[in-house]
Amino acid sequence: MPNATRGSETRRQYQLVADRVRALIASEGLAAGVRLPAERELALQLGVSRPSLREALIALEIDGRIEIRGGSGIYVTAGQQPGGTATSALGDSPAELMQARVVLESAVITLAAARVTKAGLRRVEEALDAMREDHAHGRKPVDADRRFHISIAEMGGNSVLVDMVGTLFDGRHSPLSSRMSGHVESVHTWQTALAEHEAILQALEARNPQAAAAAMCSHLIASHGRWTGDPVEAAVKAAANAA
C-alpha cells in the first residue's frame, strides 16, 4: 500500500491501516459494544499483514475507538468524535524499529567484539547484573537493558553509532510502542530475554565477532516476535530486506 501524505507529514503504515478500520466501522454502522472480526479475518478482509493490523488496532485503542480485550476480542467503543476519520501519529512503527535495530546492532556488535576491553566488558556485565536484579524483584529492567546495549555500542568507539543505538532503543517509549509492549511483556518474556543477553555477553567474552553478531541478531529477531507478534520467519525476512 503506497504511503499517503497529510500536509508535509508522511503518514505511517499503521495510520493508513487504522484509517481503513475506522472507515469500515463507519461504513458498516458498527455501534459501541459490537465485536469486530477476529484479527486474522480482519487482516484478510483489509488485505494487510497481521503485524500492520496489530499496530493499527493499538493506535485505535489509544484513540479510544476500540477496546482490545485479551481472550475475548476487539470491540467498538463510543470514543470516536463526529467527523474524526484520521488516526494521529503515535510514534514510529514498533515492527520497523525492531527491524532497524536488527540491522544496526548486528553490525555495531561486530565492531565492538573486535575492540573488547576489560573495562568495556565490565560495564556490559554490570548492566546485565542490574537486569537480573530488576527481574528478580518484579521490575521491568528497561533502563538496565538500555545500558546493556549502549555499553556494547560504546566499545565500538563510534559516538554516532552509540547515539543511533540509543535513539532506536528509546523508540519503545512512544505511545504506540509503550501500549504494545504493555500487551505482550511478562515475567516469562523478560526471563527469555535475559537468557539471550547472557548469550551475547558470552560471545563478547570470547571476542568472537561472528558469534556476537549472531547472538545479537537472534535476540533482536526474537524480541521482534515477542513485541510485535510477528512470526520469527517474517522477522528474519524483514530484517534481510532492510539490509
Protein backbone atom coordinates (compact mmCIF):
# COMPACT_ATOMS: atom_id res chain seq x y z
CA MET A 1 0.00 0.00 0.00
CA PRO A 2 1.60 3.33 -1.01
CA ASN A 3 2.07 5.98 1.61
CA ALA A 4 -0.20 8.99 1.55
CA THR A 5 0.74 12.43 2.79
CA ARG A 6 -1.09 14.83 5.01
CA GLY A 7 0.40 18.26 4.60
CA SER A 8 4.16 17.76 4.75
CA GLU A 9 3.91 14.71 7.04
CA THR A 10 4.27 11.24 5.60
CA ARG A 11 1.62 9.06 7.16
CA ARG A 12 2.86 5.82 8.64
CA GLN A 13 1.58 2.44 7.56
CA TYR A 14 -0.26 1.79 10.82
CA GLN A 15 -2.07 5.14 10.46
CA LEU A 16 -3.25 4.21 6.98
CA VAL A 17 -4.46 0.81 8.15
CA ALA A 18 -6.14 2.35 11.21
CA ASP A 19 -7.95 4.82 8.96
CA ARG A 20 -9.28 1.89 6.94
CA VAL A 21 -10.54 0.18 10.10
CA ARG A 22 -12.24 3.44 11.10
CA ALA A 23 -13.84 3.62 7.66
CA LEU A 24 -15.02 0.02 7.97
CA ILE A 25 -16.62 0.72 11.34
CA ALA A 26 -18.36 3.78 9.93
CA SER A 27 -19.49 2.19 6.65
CA GLU A 28 -20.99 -0.82 8.40
CA GLY A 29 -22.56 1.30 11.13
CA LEU A 30 -20.97 -0.71 13.92
CA ALA A 31 -22.19 0.59 17.26
CA ALA A 32 -20.34 0.66 20.58
CA GLY A 33 -20.09 -2.81 22.05
CA VAL A 34 -20.05 -4.65 18.72
CA ARG A 35 -17.19 -7.09 18.32
CA LEU A 36 -15.01 -6.75 15.22
CA PRO A 37 -13.94 -9.80 13.21
CA ALA A 38 -11.03 -11.82 14.57
CA GLU A 39 -7.61 -10.37 13.78
CA ARG A 40 -6.78 -12.97 11.10
CA GLU A 41 -10.12 -12.45 9.38
CA LEU A 42 -9.88 -8.66 9.57
CA ALA A 43 -6.36 -8.71 8.10
CA LEU A 44 -7.58 -10.81 5.16
CA GLN A 45 -10.59 -8.56 4.68
CA LEU A 46 -8.41 -5.45 4.51
CA GLY A 47 -5.58 -7.12 2.58
CA VAL A 48 -2.89 -6.18 5.12
CA SER A 49 -0.38 -8.12 7.22
CA ARG A 50 -1.31 -9.07 10.75
CA PRO A 51 1.62 -7.11 12.28
CA SER A 52 0.48 -3.95 10.43
CA LEU A 53 -3.10 -4.54 11.56
CA ARG A 54 -1.99 -5.16 15.14
CA GLU A 55 -0.20 -1.82 15.26
CA ALA A 56 -3.25 -0.11 13.75
CA LEU A 57 -5.52 -1.66 16.36
CA ILE A 58 -3.24 -0.49 19.17
CA ALA A 59 -3.35 3.03 17.69
CA LEU A 60 -7.16 2.89 17.57
CA GLU A 61 -7.24 1.67 21.15
CA ILE A 62 -5.14 4.66 22.24
CA ASP A 63 -7.54 6.92 20.32
CA GLY A 64 -10.41 5.34 22.24
CA ARG A 65 -12.10 3.94 19.13
CA ILE A 66 -11.80 0.28 20.07
CA GLU A 67 -11.09 -1.85 23.12
CA ILE A 68 -8.86 -4.91 22.91
CA ARG A 69 -9.95 -7.50 25.46
CA GLY A 70 -7.44 -10.31 25.90
CA GLY A 71 -9.03 -13.69 25.23
CA SER A 72 -12.29 -12.09 24.14
CA GLY A 73 -11.79 -9.95 21.08
CA ILE A 74 -11.79 -6.43 19.68
CA TYR A 75 -14.80 -4.25 20.45
CA VAL A 76 -16.01 -0.93 19.08
CA THR A 77 -16.28 1.84 21.68
CA ALA A 78 -18.01 5.20 21.67
CA GLY A 79 -14.71 7.08 21.64
CA GLN A 80 -14.63 8.43 18.10
CA GLN A 81 -15.63 12.06 17.74
CA PRO A 82 -18.04 13.04 14.96
CA GLY A 83 -16.11 13.60 11.76
CA GLY A 84 -12.95 12.02 13.20
CA THR A 85 -11.55 9.95 10.34
CA ALA A 86 -7.76 10.20 10.58
CA THR A 87 -5.51 8.46 13.09
CA SER A 88 -2.83 10.64 14.67
CA ALA A 89 0.86 9.72 14.64
CA LEU A 90 1.84 7.91 17.85
CA GLY A 91 5.50 7.21 17.12
CA ASP A 92 7.33 5.02 14.66
CA SER A 93 6.13 1.54 13.81
CA PRO A 94 7.34 -0.87 16.54
CA ALA A 95 7.97 -3.51 13.86
CA GLU A 96 10.09 -1.11 11.82
CA LEU A 97 12.00 -0.02 14.91
CA MET A 98 12.89 -3.63 15.68
CA GLN A 99 13.90 -4.29 12.08
CA ALA A 100 16.18 -1.25 12.18
CA ARG A 101 17.74 -2.44 15.41
CA VAL A 102 18.46 -5.85 13.90
CA VAL A 103 20.36 -4.22 11.03
CA LEU A 104 22.22 -1.63 13.13
CA GLU A 105 23.10 -3.53 16.28
CA SER A 106 24.24 -6.67 14.48
CA ALA A 107 26.83 -4.50 12.75
CA VAL A 108 27.69 -2.48 15.86
CA ILE A 109 28.44 -5.54 17.98
CA THR A 110 30.75 -6.90 15.28
CA LEU A 111 32.84 -3.76 15.68
CA ALA A 112 32.61 -3.94 19.48
CA ALA A 113 33.68 -7.59 19.62
CA ALA A 114 36.84 -6.72 17.72
CA ARG A 115 37.65 -3.97 20.25
CA VAL A 116 36.73 -5.63 23.54
CA THR A 117 38.35 -4.26 26.68
CA LYS A 118 38.14 -5.43 30.27
CA ALA A 119 36.55 -2.13 31.29
CA GLY A 120 34.01 -2.36 28.48
CA LEU A 121 33.10 -5.93 29.37
CA ARG A 122 32.69 -4.91 32.99
CA ARG A 123 30.14 -2.25 32.03
CA VAL A 124 28.19 -4.78 29.97
CA GLU A 125 28.29 -7.29 32.86
CA GLU A 126 27.12 -4.64 35.34
CA ALA A 127 24.17 -3.78 33.10
CA LEU A 128 23.24 -7.46 32.83
CA ASP A 129 23.52 -7.86 36.61
CA ALA A 130 21.18 -4.89 37.02
CA MET A 131 18.73 -6.52 34.61
CA ARG A 132 18.80 -9.73 36.68
CA GLU A 133 18.27 -7.72 39.86
CA ASP A 134 15.30 -5.84 38.45
CA HIS A 135 13.74 -9.02 37.14
CA ALA A 136 14.22 -10.82 40.46
CA HIS A 137 12.30 -8.02 42.20
CA GLY A 138 9.45 -7.94 39.70
CA ARG A 139 10.59 -4.77 37.94
CA LYS A 140 10.84 -4.39 34.17
CA PRO A 141 14.58 -3.99 33.52
CA VAL A 142 14.18 -1.46 30.73
CA ASP A 143 16.78 1.05 31.94
CA ALA A 144 19.38 -1.65 32.56
CA ASP A 145 18.55 -3.17 29.18
CA ARG A 146 19.30 0.17 27.55
CA ARG A 147 22.62 0.38 29.39
CA PHE A 148 23.50 -3.11 28.18
CA HIS A 149 23.03 -2.19 24.52
CA ILE A 150 24.65 1.23 24.90
CA SER A 151 27.68 -0.28 26.67
CA ILE A 152 28.21 -2.64 23.76
CA ALA A 153 27.99 0.21 21.27
CA GLU A 154 30.47 2.26 23.32
CA MET A 155 33.08 -0.50 22.96
CA GLY A 156 32.97 0.10 19.23
CA GLY A 157 34.36 3.60 19.80
CA ASN A 158 31.96 5.40 17.43
CA SER A 159 29.82 8.04 19.18
CA VAL A 160 27.48 8.40 16.20
CA LEU A 161 26.61 4.70 16.37
CA VAL A 162 26.16 4.96 20.15
CA ASP A 163 23.63 7.77 19.64
CA MET A 164 21.82 5.79 16.94
CA VAL A 165 21.53 2.72 19.17
CA GLY A 166 20.14 4.88 21.98
CA THR A 167 17.66 6.65 19.71
CA LEU A 168 16.27 3.42 18.31
CA PHE A 169 16.03 1.87 21.77
CA ASP A 170 14.18 4.93 23.08
CA GLY A 171 11.56 4.45 20.37
CA ARG A 172 10.00 1.88 22.70
CA HIS A 173 8.76 4.76 24.88
CA SER A 174 6.45 6.21 22.20
CA PRO A 175 2.71 5.94 22.95
CA LEU A 176 2.26 3.19 20.36
CA SER A 177 5.26 1.11 21.41
CA SER A 178 4.54 1.52 25.12
CA ARG A 179 0.96 0.35 24.73
CA MET A 180 2.04 -2.58 22.55
CA SER A 181 4.72 -3.73 24.99
CA GLY A 182 2.17 -3.47 27.80
CA HIS A 183 0.05 -6.02 25.98
CA VAL A 184 2.84 -8.56 25.45
CA GLU A 185 5.59 -8.16 28.07
CA SER A 186 5.56 -10.53 31.03
CA VAL A 187 7.86 -12.16 33.57
CA HIS A 188 8.32 -15.02 31.10
CA THR A 189 9.27 -12.82 28.14
CA TRP A 190 11.84 -10.96 30.23
CA GLN A 191 13.25 -14.25 31.51
CA THR A 192 13.74 -15.37 27.92
CA ALA A 193 15.32 -12.02 27.03
CA LEU A 194 17.77 -12.34 29.93
CA ALA A 195 19.00 -15.68 28.58
CA GLU A 196 19.53 -14.05 25.18
CA HIS A 197 21.53 -11.22 26.76
CA GLU A 198 23.71 -13.77 28.56
CA ALA A 199 24.49 -15.43 25.22
CA ILE A 200 25.51 -12.03 23.82
CA LEU A 201 27.86 -11.41 26.74
CA GLN A 202 29.44 -14.85 26.37
CA ALA A 203 30.18 -14.15 22.69
CA LEU A 204 31.78 -10.83 23.62
CA GLU A 205 33.89 -12.50 26.32
CA ALA A 206 35.09 -14.95 23.67
CA ARG A 207 35.98 -11.95 21.47
CA ASN A 208 34.20 -13.62 18.57
CA PRO A 209 32.64 -11.01 16.23
CA GLN A 210 30.68 -13.58 14.20
CA ALA A 211 29.20 -15.28 17.27
CA ALA A 212 28.43 -11.90 18.85
CA ALA A 213 26.62 -10.68 15.74
CA ALA A 214 24.66 -13.93 15.53
CA ALA A 215 23.66 -13.72 19.21
CA MET A 216 22.58 -10.09 18.87
CA CYS A 217 20.65 -10.78 15.67
CA SER A 218 18.94 -13.79 17.26
CA HIS A 219 17.97 -11.75 20.34
CA LEU A 220 16.54 -8.82 18.40
CA ILE A 221 14.62 -11.03 15.98
CA ALA A 222 13.16 -12.93 18.93
CA SER A 223 12.30 -9.60 20.57
CA HIS A 224 10.64 -8.54 17.33
CA GLY A 225 8.45 -11.63 17.51
CA ARG A 226 7.58 -11.16 21.18
CA TRP A 227 6.94 -7.43 20.89
CA THR A 228 5.02 -7.27 17.64
CA GLY A 229 3.56 -10.74 17.39
CA ASP A 230 5.27 -11.23 14.04
CA PRO A 231 6.40 -14.82 13.36
CA VAL A 232 10.16 -15.30 13.51
CA GLU A 233 10.30 -16.26 9.83
CA ALA A 234 8.67 -12.99 8.83
CA ALA A 235 11.00 -11.03 11.09
CA VAL A 236 14.03 -12.67 9.50
CA LYS A 237 12.75 -11.85 6.03
CA ALA A 238 12.01 -8.25 7.04
CA ALA A 239 15.49 -7.82 8.50
CA ALA A 240 17.09 -9.27 5.38
CA ASN A 241 15.07 -6.92 3.18
CA ALA A 242 16.06 -3.94 5.33
CA ALA A 243 19.74 -4.86 4.94
